[in-house]
N, C-alpha and C. Protein backbone atom coordinates (compact mmCIF):
# COMPACT_ATOMS: atom_id res chain seq x y z
N MET A 1 -121.33 62.04 21.03
CA MET A 1 -120.07 61.44 20.60
C MET A 1 -119.12 61.45 21.79
N ILE A 2 -118.44 60.35 21.94
CA ILE A 2 -117.35 60.25 22.91
C ILE A 2 -116.07 60.22 22.10
N LYS A 3 -115.16 61.14 22.43
CA LYS A 3 -113.85 61.15 21.81
C LYS A 3 -112.81 60.85 22.88
N ILE A 4 -111.83 60.07 22.51
CA ILE A 4 -110.71 59.81 23.39
C ILE A 4 -109.46 60.23 22.64
N ILE A 5 -108.78 61.24 23.16
CA ILE A 5 -107.54 61.71 22.57
C ILE A 5 -106.40 61.10 23.36
N CYS A 6 -105.52 60.39 22.65
CA CYS A 6 -104.41 59.66 23.26
C CYS A 6 -103.12 60.07 22.59
N ILE A 7 -102.06 60.10 23.38
CA ILE A 7 -100.73 60.36 22.83
C ILE A 7 -100.10 59.02 22.48
N GLY A 8 -99.63 58.88 21.27
CA GLY A 8 -98.91 57.69 20.86
C GLY A 8 -99.80 56.60 20.28
N LYS A 9 -99.14 55.69 19.61
CA LYS A 9 -99.81 54.55 19.00
C LYS A 9 -99.61 53.31 19.86
N ILE A 10 -100.53 52.37 19.73
CA ILE A 10 -100.44 51.10 20.44
C ILE A 10 -99.61 50.14 19.57
N LYS A 11 -98.60 49.55 20.17
CA LYS A 11 -97.73 48.63 19.43
C LYS A 11 -98.09 47.17 19.69
N GLU A 12 -98.53 46.87 20.91
CA GLU A 12 -98.78 45.48 21.31
C GLU A 12 -100.12 45.00 20.75
N GLN A 13 -100.09 43.85 20.09
CA GLN A 13 -101.29 43.32 19.46
C GLN A 13 -102.37 43.00 20.48
N TYR A 14 -102.00 42.46 21.65
CA TYR A 14 -103.02 42.11 22.64
C TYR A 14 -103.76 43.34 23.14
N LEU A 15 -103.06 44.49 23.21
CA LEU A 15 -103.75 45.73 23.61
C LEU A 15 -104.63 46.24 22.47
N LYS A 16 -104.15 46.15 21.25
CA LYS A 16 -104.98 46.54 20.09
C LYS A 16 -106.26 45.71 20.06
N ASP A 17 -106.13 44.41 20.32
CA ASP A 17 -107.30 43.52 20.32
C ASP A 17 -108.30 43.92 21.40
N MET A 18 -107.80 44.22 22.61
CA MET A 18 -108.67 44.62 23.70
C MET A 18 -109.40 45.93 23.36
N ILE A 19 -108.65 46.89 22.85
CA ILE A 19 -109.23 48.19 22.51
C ILE A 19 -110.29 48.04 21.42
N GLN A 20 -110.00 47.28 20.39
CA GLN A 20 -110.97 47.06 19.30
C GLN A 20 -112.22 46.35 19.82
N ASP A 21 -112.03 45.40 20.74
CA ASP A 21 -113.17 44.69 21.31
C ASP A 21 -114.10 45.66 22.05
N TYR A 22 -113.54 46.51 22.89
CA TYR A 22 -114.39 47.45 23.62
C TYR A 22 -114.96 48.54 22.71
N GLN A 23 -114.23 48.95 21.70
CA GLN A 23 -114.79 49.90 20.73
C GLN A 23 -116.05 49.31 20.09
N LYS A 24 -115.97 48.05 19.71
CA LYS A 24 -117.11 47.38 19.08
C LYS A 24 -118.27 47.28 20.07
N ARG A 25 -117.99 46.91 21.30
CA ARG A 25 -119.05 46.79 22.31
C ARG A 25 -119.73 48.14 22.57
N ILE A 26 -118.93 49.19 22.70
CA ILE A 26 -119.46 50.52 22.98
C ILE A 26 -120.29 51.03 21.81
N SER A 27 -119.92 50.67 20.59
CA SER A 27 -120.61 51.18 19.40
C SER A 27 -122.09 50.80 19.37
N LYS A 28 -122.48 49.79 20.14
CA LYS A 28 -123.90 49.43 20.23
C LYS A 28 -124.69 50.48 21.03
N TYR A 29 -123.99 51.27 21.81
CA TYR A 29 -124.63 52.24 22.69
C TYR A 29 -124.41 53.69 22.27
N HIS A 30 -123.22 53.96 21.75
CA HIS A 30 -122.87 55.35 21.50
C HIS A 30 -121.76 55.43 20.45
N LYS A 31 -121.71 56.56 19.77
CA LYS A 31 -120.64 56.80 18.81
C LYS A 31 -119.35 57.11 19.57
N LEU A 32 -118.25 56.50 19.13
CA LEU A 32 -116.97 56.63 19.80
C LEU A 32 -115.88 56.83 18.76
N GLU A 33 -114.97 57.75 19.07
CA GLU A 33 -113.82 57.99 18.20
C GLU A 33 -112.56 58.05 19.06
N ILE A 34 -111.55 57.29 18.66
CA ILE A 34 -110.25 57.35 19.33
C ILE A 34 -109.30 58.06 18.38
N ILE A 35 -108.69 59.13 18.89
CA ILE A 35 -107.78 59.94 18.08
C ILE A 35 -106.39 59.82 18.69
N GLU A 36 -105.47 59.29 17.90
CA GLU A 36 -104.09 59.16 18.36
C GLU A 36 -103.29 60.36 17.90
N VAL A 37 -102.58 60.97 18.85
CA VAL A 37 -101.74 62.12 18.59
C VAL A 37 -100.29 61.66 18.68
N LYS A 38 -99.45 62.19 17.82
CA LYS A 38 -98.04 61.79 17.80
C LYS A 38 -97.38 62.02 19.15
N ASP A 39 -96.64 61.02 19.60
CA ASP A 39 -95.85 61.10 20.82
C ASP A 39 -94.63 61.96 20.52
N GLU A 40 -94.54 63.11 21.14
CA GLU A 40 -93.45 64.06 20.87
C GLU A 40 -92.43 64.03 22.00
N ASP A 41 -91.34 64.77 21.80
CA ASP A 41 -90.30 64.82 22.83
C ASP A 41 -90.47 65.99 23.80
N ASN A 42 -91.54 66.78 23.60
CA ASN A 42 -91.81 67.87 24.57
C ASN A 42 -93.29 68.21 24.60
N LEU A 43 -93.71 68.77 25.72
CA LEU A 43 -95.13 69.08 25.95
C LEU A 43 -95.65 70.17 25.01
N GLU A 44 -94.81 71.08 24.60
CA GLU A 44 -95.25 72.16 23.71
C GLU A 44 -95.77 71.59 22.39
N LYS A 45 -95.03 70.65 21.81
CA LYS A 45 -95.47 70.02 20.56
C LYS A 45 -96.74 69.21 20.78
N GLU A 46 -96.80 68.47 21.90
CA GLU A 46 -98.02 67.68 22.18
C GLU A 46 -99.21 68.60 22.38
N LYS A 47 -99.00 69.71 23.06
CA LYS A 47 -100.08 70.69 23.27
C LYS A 47 -100.62 71.16 21.94
N ASN A 48 -99.74 71.56 21.03
CA ASN A 48 -100.18 72.06 19.72
C ASN A 48 -100.93 70.98 18.93
N ASN A 49 -100.47 69.75 19.01
CA ASN A 49 -101.16 68.65 18.32
C ASN A 49 -102.55 68.41 18.89
N ILE A 50 -102.69 68.50 20.20
CA ILE A 50 -104.00 68.31 20.84
C ILE A 50 -104.93 69.48 20.52
N LEU A 51 -104.40 70.70 20.58
CA LEU A 51 -105.23 71.88 20.31
C LEU A 51 -105.84 71.86 18.91
N ARG A 52 -105.13 71.28 17.95
CA ARG A 52 -105.66 71.19 16.58
C ARG A 52 -106.91 70.32 16.51
N ILE A 53 -107.05 69.41 17.46
CA ILE A 53 -108.14 68.44 17.44
C ILE A 53 -109.34 68.89 18.27
N LEU A 54 -109.08 69.60 19.36
CA LEU A 54 -110.14 69.94 20.31
C LEU A 54 -111.19 70.85 19.68
N ASP A 55 -112.41 70.58 20.04
CA ASP A 55 -113.53 71.43 19.67
C ASP A 55 -113.94 72.18 20.94
N PRO A 56 -113.98 73.51 20.89
CA PRO A 56 -114.31 74.27 22.10
C PRO A 56 -115.68 73.93 22.69
N LYS A 57 -116.55 73.32 21.90
CA LYS A 57 -117.88 72.96 22.40
C LYS A 57 -117.86 71.65 23.19
N ASP A 58 -116.77 70.90 23.09
CA ASP A 58 -116.69 69.61 23.77
C ASP A 58 -116.58 69.79 25.28
N TYR A 59 -117.12 68.82 26.00
CA TYR A 59 -116.92 68.75 27.45
C TYR A 59 -115.63 67.96 27.63
N ILE A 60 -114.58 68.63 28.05
CA ILE A 60 -113.25 68.04 28.11
C ILE A 60 -112.96 67.51 29.51
N ILE A 61 -112.56 66.24 29.54
CA ILE A 61 -112.18 65.57 30.78
C ILE A 61 -110.76 65.08 30.62
N THR A 62 -109.87 65.54 31.50
CA THR A 62 -108.51 65.01 31.50
C THR A 62 -108.44 63.88 32.50
N LEU A 63 -107.59 62.91 32.20
CA LEU A 63 -107.43 61.75 33.08
C LEU A 63 -106.10 61.91 33.80
N GLU A 64 -106.20 62.17 35.11
CA GLU A 64 -105.03 62.53 35.89
C GLU A 64 -105.08 61.87 37.26
N ILE A 65 -103.92 61.59 37.80
CA ILE A 65 -103.82 60.97 39.12
C ILE A 65 -104.51 61.83 40.18
N GLU A 66 -104.43 63.14 40.04
CA GLU A 66 -105.00 64.05 41.04
C GLU A 66 -106.50 64.27 40.88
N GLY A 67 -107.11 63.68 39.87
CA GLY A 67 -108.51 63.93 39.58
C GLY A 67 -109.47 63.27 40.56
N LYS A 68 -110.75 63.50 40.31
CA LYS A 68 -111.80 62.93 41.15
C LYS A 68 -111.96 61.45 40.86
N SER A 69 -112.15 60.67 41.90
CA SER A 69 -112.36 59.22 41.75
C SER A 69 -113.85 58.91 41.82
N TYR A 70 -114.25 57.91 41.04
CA TYR A 70 -115.63 57.45 41.02
C TYR A 70 -115.65 55.93 41.19
N THR A 71 -116.74 55.42 41.71
CA THR A 71 -117.00 53.99 41.58
C THR A 71 -117.57 53.79 40.16
N SER A 72 -117.70 52.56 39.73
CA SER A 72 -118.27 52.31 38.40
C SER A 72 -119.70 52.84 38.31
N GLU A 73 -120.47 52.65 39.37
CA GLU A 73 -121.86 53.15 39.36
C GLU A 73 -121.89 54.67 39.31
N GLU A 74 -121.03 55.32 40.08
CA GLU A 74 -120.98 56.79 40.08
C GLU A 74 -120.54 57.31 38.71
N PHE A 75 -119.56 56.67 38.11
CA PHE A 75 -119.09 57.07 36.79
C PHE A 75 -120.22 56.92 35.76
N SER A 76 -120.96 55.83 35.84
CA SER A 76 -122.09 55.61 34.94
C SER A 76 -123.13 56.72 35.09
N ASN A 77 -123.49 57.03 36.33
CA ASN A 77 -124.46 58.11 36.58
C ASN A 77 -123.93 59.45 36.10
N HIS A 78 -122.65 59.69 36.32
CA HIS A 78 -122.04 60.95 35.89
C HIS A 78 -122.10 61.10 34.37
N LEU A 79 -121.72 60.04 33.65
CA LEU A 79 -121.80 60.10 32.18
C LEU A 79 -123.23 60.33 31.71
N ASP A 80 -124.16 59.65 32.33
CA ASP A 80 -125.56 59.80 31.97
C ASP A 80 -126.00 61.26 32.13
N LYS A 81 -125.63 61.89 33.23
CA LYS A 81 -125.98 63.30 33.47
C LYS A 81 -125.27 64.23 32.49
N LEU A 82 -124.00 63.91 32.17
CA LEU A 82 -123.26 64.76 31.23
C LEU A 82 -123.92 64.76 29.86
N PHE A 83 -124.43 63.62 29.42
CA PHE A 83 -125.05 63.56 28.10
C PHE A 83 -126.38 64.31 28.05
N LEU A 84 -126.93 64.67 29.19
CA LEU A 84 -128.11 65.54 29.20
C LEU A 84 -127.71 66.99 28.94
N LYS A 85 -126.44 67.32 29.23
CA LYS A 85 -125.93 68.69 29.07
C LYS A 85 -125.19 68.92 27.76
N THR A 86 -124.54 67.87 27.24
CA THR A 86 -123.67 68.04 26.09
C THR A 86 -123.76 66.83 25.16
N ASN A 87 -123.45 67.07 23.90
CA ASN A 87 -123.44 65.98 22.92
C ASN A 87 -122.07 65.34 22.78
N ASN A 88 -121.04 66.05 23.19
CA ASN A 88 -119.67 65.59 22.97
C ASN A 88 -118.86 65.61 24.25
N ILE A 89 -118.38 64.45 24.62
CA ILE A 89 -117.47 64.33 25.76
C ILE A 89 -116.13 63.88 25.22
N THR A 90 -115.09 64.61 25.56
CA THR A 90 -113.74 64.30 25.10
C THR A 90 -112.86 63.97 26.30
N PHE A 91 -112.33 62.76 26.31
CA PHE A 91 -111.37 62.34 27.33
C PHE A 91 -109.97 62.53 26.76
N ILE A 92 -109.06 63.02 27.58
CA ILE A 92 -107.68 63.19 27.15
C ILE A 92 -106.76 62.38 28.06
N ILE A 93 -106.02 61.47 27.43
CA ILE A 93 -105.00 60.68 28.13
C ILE A 93 -103.66 61.28 27.74
N GLY A 94 -102.91 61.77 28.71
CA GLY A 94 -101.63 62.40 28.43
C GLY A 94 -100.54 61.39 28.12
N SER A 95 -99.38 61.92 27.81
CA SER A 95 -98.21 61.09 27.53
C SER A 95 -97.42 60.87 28.82
N SER A 96 -96.26 60.27 28.69
CA SER A 96 -95.39 60.09 29.85
C SER A 96 -94.90 61.44 30.36
N LEU A 97 -95.03 62.48 29.55
CA LEU A 97 -94.65 63.84 29.97
C LEU A 97 -95.78 64.52 30.74
N GLY A 98 -96.96 63.92 30.71
CA GLY A 98 -98.11 64.51 31.38
C GLY A 98 -99.05 65.17 30.39
N ILE A 99 -99.89 66.04 30.92
CA ILE A 99 -100.83 66.80 30.09
C ILE A 99 -100.40 68.26 30.16
N PRO A 100 -100.25 68.91 29.02
CA PRO A 100 -99.81 70.31 29.02
C PRO A 100 -100.76 71.22 29.82
N LYS A 101 -100.18 72.19 30.51
CA LYS A 101 -100.96 73.11 31.35
C LYS A 101 -102.08 73.78 30.57
N GLU A 102 -101.79 74.18 29.34
CA GLU A 102 -102.81 74.87 28.52
C GLU A 102 -104.00 73.97 28.24
N ILE A 103 -103.76 72.67 28.11
CA ILE A 103 -104.85 71.72 27.90
C ILE A 103 -105.62 71.54 29.21
N LYS A 104 -104.89 71.44 30.32
CA LYS A 104 -105.56 71.32 31.63
C LYS A 104 -106.47 72.52 31.88
N ASN A 105 -106.08 73.70 31.40
CA ASN A 105 -106.89 74.90 31.60
C ASN A 105 -108.20 74.86 30.81
N LEU A 106 -108.29 74.02 29.79
CA LEU A 106 -109.50 73.90 28.98
C LEU A 106 -110.48 72.87 29.53
N LYS A 107 -110.02 72.04 30.45
CA LYS A 107 -110.86 70.94 30.94
C LYS A 107 -112.03 71.46 31.77
N LYS A 108 -113.09 70.67 31.75
CA LYS A 108 -114.23 70.93 32.64
C LYS A 108 -114.04 70.18 33.95
N GLU A 109 -113.32 69.06 33.88
CA GLU A 109 -113.04 68.27 35.07
C GLU A 109 -111.89 67.32 34.79
N ASP A 110 -111.33 66.78 35.86
CA ASP A 110 -110.34 65.73 35.72
C ASP A 110 -110.78 64.54 36.55
N ILE A 111 -110.49 63.37 36.03
CA ILE A 111 -110.90 62.12 36.67
C ILE A 111 -109.65 61.27 36.90
N SER A 112 -109.63 60.60 38.04
CA SER A 112 -108.57 59.67 38.34
C SER A 112 -109.14 58.26 38.45
N PHE A 113 -108.49 57.32 37.82
CA PHE A 113 -108.90 55.92 37.95
C PHE A 113 -108.10 55.22 39.03
N SER A 114 -107.00 55.86 39.47
CA SER A 114 -106.15 55.25 40.49
C SER A 114 -105.00 56.19 40.79
N LYS A 115 -104.35 55.97 41.91
CA LYS A 115 -103.11 56.68 42.22
C LYS A 115 -101.94 56.02 41.49
N PHE A 116 -102.17 54.83 40.93
CA PHE A 116 -101.13 54.15 40.17
C PHE A 116 -100.90 54.84 38.84
N THR A 117 -99.72 54.65 38.28
CA THR A 117 -99.42 55.06 36.91
C THR A 117 -99.52 53.81 36.05
N PHE A 118 -100.27 53.91 34.94
CA PHE A 118 -100.47 52.77 34.05
C PHE A 118 -99.78 53.02 32.71
N PRO A 119 -99.37 51.95 32.03
CA PRO A 119 -98.92 52.12 30.64
C PRO A 119 -100.09 52.68 29.83
N HIS A 120 -99.79 53.55 28.87
CA HIS A 120 -100.84 54.26 28.15
C HIS A 120 -101.78 53.34 27.39
N GLY A 121 -101.24 52.31 26.77
CA GLY A 121 -102.10 51.38 26.03
C GLY A 121 -103.04 50.63 26.94
N LEU A 122 -102.52 50.20 28.06
CA LEU A 122 -103.36 49.49 29.03
C LEU A 122 -104.43 50.42 29.59
N PHE A 123 -104.05 51.66 29.90
CA PHE A 123 -105.04 52.59 30.44
C PHE A 123 -106.14 52.90 29.43
N ARG A 124 -105.78 52.97 28.18
CA ARG A 124 -106.80 53.18 27.15
C ARG A 124 -107.85 52.08 27.21
N GLY A 125 -107.38 50.85 27.38
CA GLY A 125 -108.29 49.72 27.52
C GLY A 125 -109.13 49.81 28.79
N ILE A 126 -108.53 50.24 29.88
CA ILE A 126 -109.26 50.39 31.14
C ILE A 126 -110.36 51.44 30.99
N LEU A 127 -110.03 52.56 30.39
CA LEU A 127 -111.03 53.61 30.17
C LEU A 127 -112.19 53.09 29.32
N LEU A 128 -111.86 52.42 28.23
CA LEU A 128 -112.91 51.88 27.36
C LEU A 128 -113.78 50.87 28.11
N GLU A 129 -113.15 50.02 28.91
CA GLU A 129 -113.92 49.03 29.68
C GLU A 129 -114.88 49.73 30.63
N GLN A 130 -114.45 50.79 31.28
CA GLN A 130 -115.32 51.50 32.21
C GLN A 130 -116.44 52.25 31.50
N ILE A 131 -116.17 52.76 30.31
CA ILE A 131 -117.24 53.39 29.52
C ILE A 131 -118.27 52.33 29.13
N TYR A 132 -117.79 51.18 28.68
CA TYR A 132 -118.70 50.08 28.34
C TYR A 132 -119.51 49.65 29.56
N ARG A 133 -118.84 49.48 30.68
CA ARG A 133 -119.52 49.10 31.92
C ARG A 133 -120.59 50.15 32.28
N ALA A 134 -120.26 51.41 32.09
CA ALA A 134 -121.22 52.49 32.39
C ALA A 134 -122.50 52.35 31.57
N PHE A 135 -122.36 52.03 30.28
CA PHE A 135 -123.54 51.85 29.44
C PHE A 135 -124.34 50.61 29.87
N LYS A 136 -123.65 49.56 30.25
CA LYS A 136 -124.35 48.36 30.72
C LYS A 136 -125.14 48.67 32.00
N ILE A 137 -124.53 49.44 32.91
CA ILE A 137 -125.22 49.83 34.15
C ILE A 137 -126.44 50.68 33.81
N GLN A 138 -126.26 51.67 32.95
CA GLN A 138 -127.36 52.57 32.59
C GLN A 138 -128.53 51.82 31.98
N ASN A 139 -128.24 50.75 31.26
CA ASN A 139 -129.28 49.99 30.57
C ASN A 139 -129.76 48.78 31.36
N HIS A 140 -129.30 48.67 32.61
CA HIS A 140 -129.71 47.57 33.52
C HIS A 140 -129.45 46.20 32.89
N GLU A 141 -128.31 46.08 32.21
CA GLU A 141 -127.95 44.82 31.56
C GLU A 141 -126.92 44.08 32.40
N THR A 142 -126.94 42.78 32.30
CA THR A 142 -125.97 41.99 33.06
C THR A 142 -124.59 42.20 32.49
N TYR A 143 -123.65 42.37 33.34
CA TYR A 143 -122.22 42.53 33.07
C TYR A 143 -121.60 43.01 34.36
N HIS A 144 -122.13 44.13 34.85
CA HIS A 144 -121.58 44.73 36.06
C HIS A 144 -122.00 43.92 37.28
N LYS A 145 -121.05 43.66 38.16
CA LYS A 145 -121.35 42.93 39.40
C LYS A 145 -120.86 43.71 40.56
């Protein structure tokens, strides 16, 4: 199972459409769950909301600017290797306040998609697209160029 924990809800219909499209595409390869956590006014509340959801058995990956960067092929290979070790990978996308320190302490790794800061809804779509691309690469299917 791949879980994506996100702070806040998506308001823009075009982002909802993109996210739903990639969820559907990914579902042909793997079980996926997106969990939206309430956008709070402080990290302490967000931390508590995230902690209620996390399973200690999950392989937790935080998405952070300071994290490790991968090419699409490297990310695909990395996910493939992770699924040999664990059944559950949980990605955490923080809020505009960041990711609480206590949550960062639970991570197995952090990944960066860019030094840029992205709107959360758009980044959710980017993450889903890269997960989908990873499965296409693993299965030697046309899509990735």
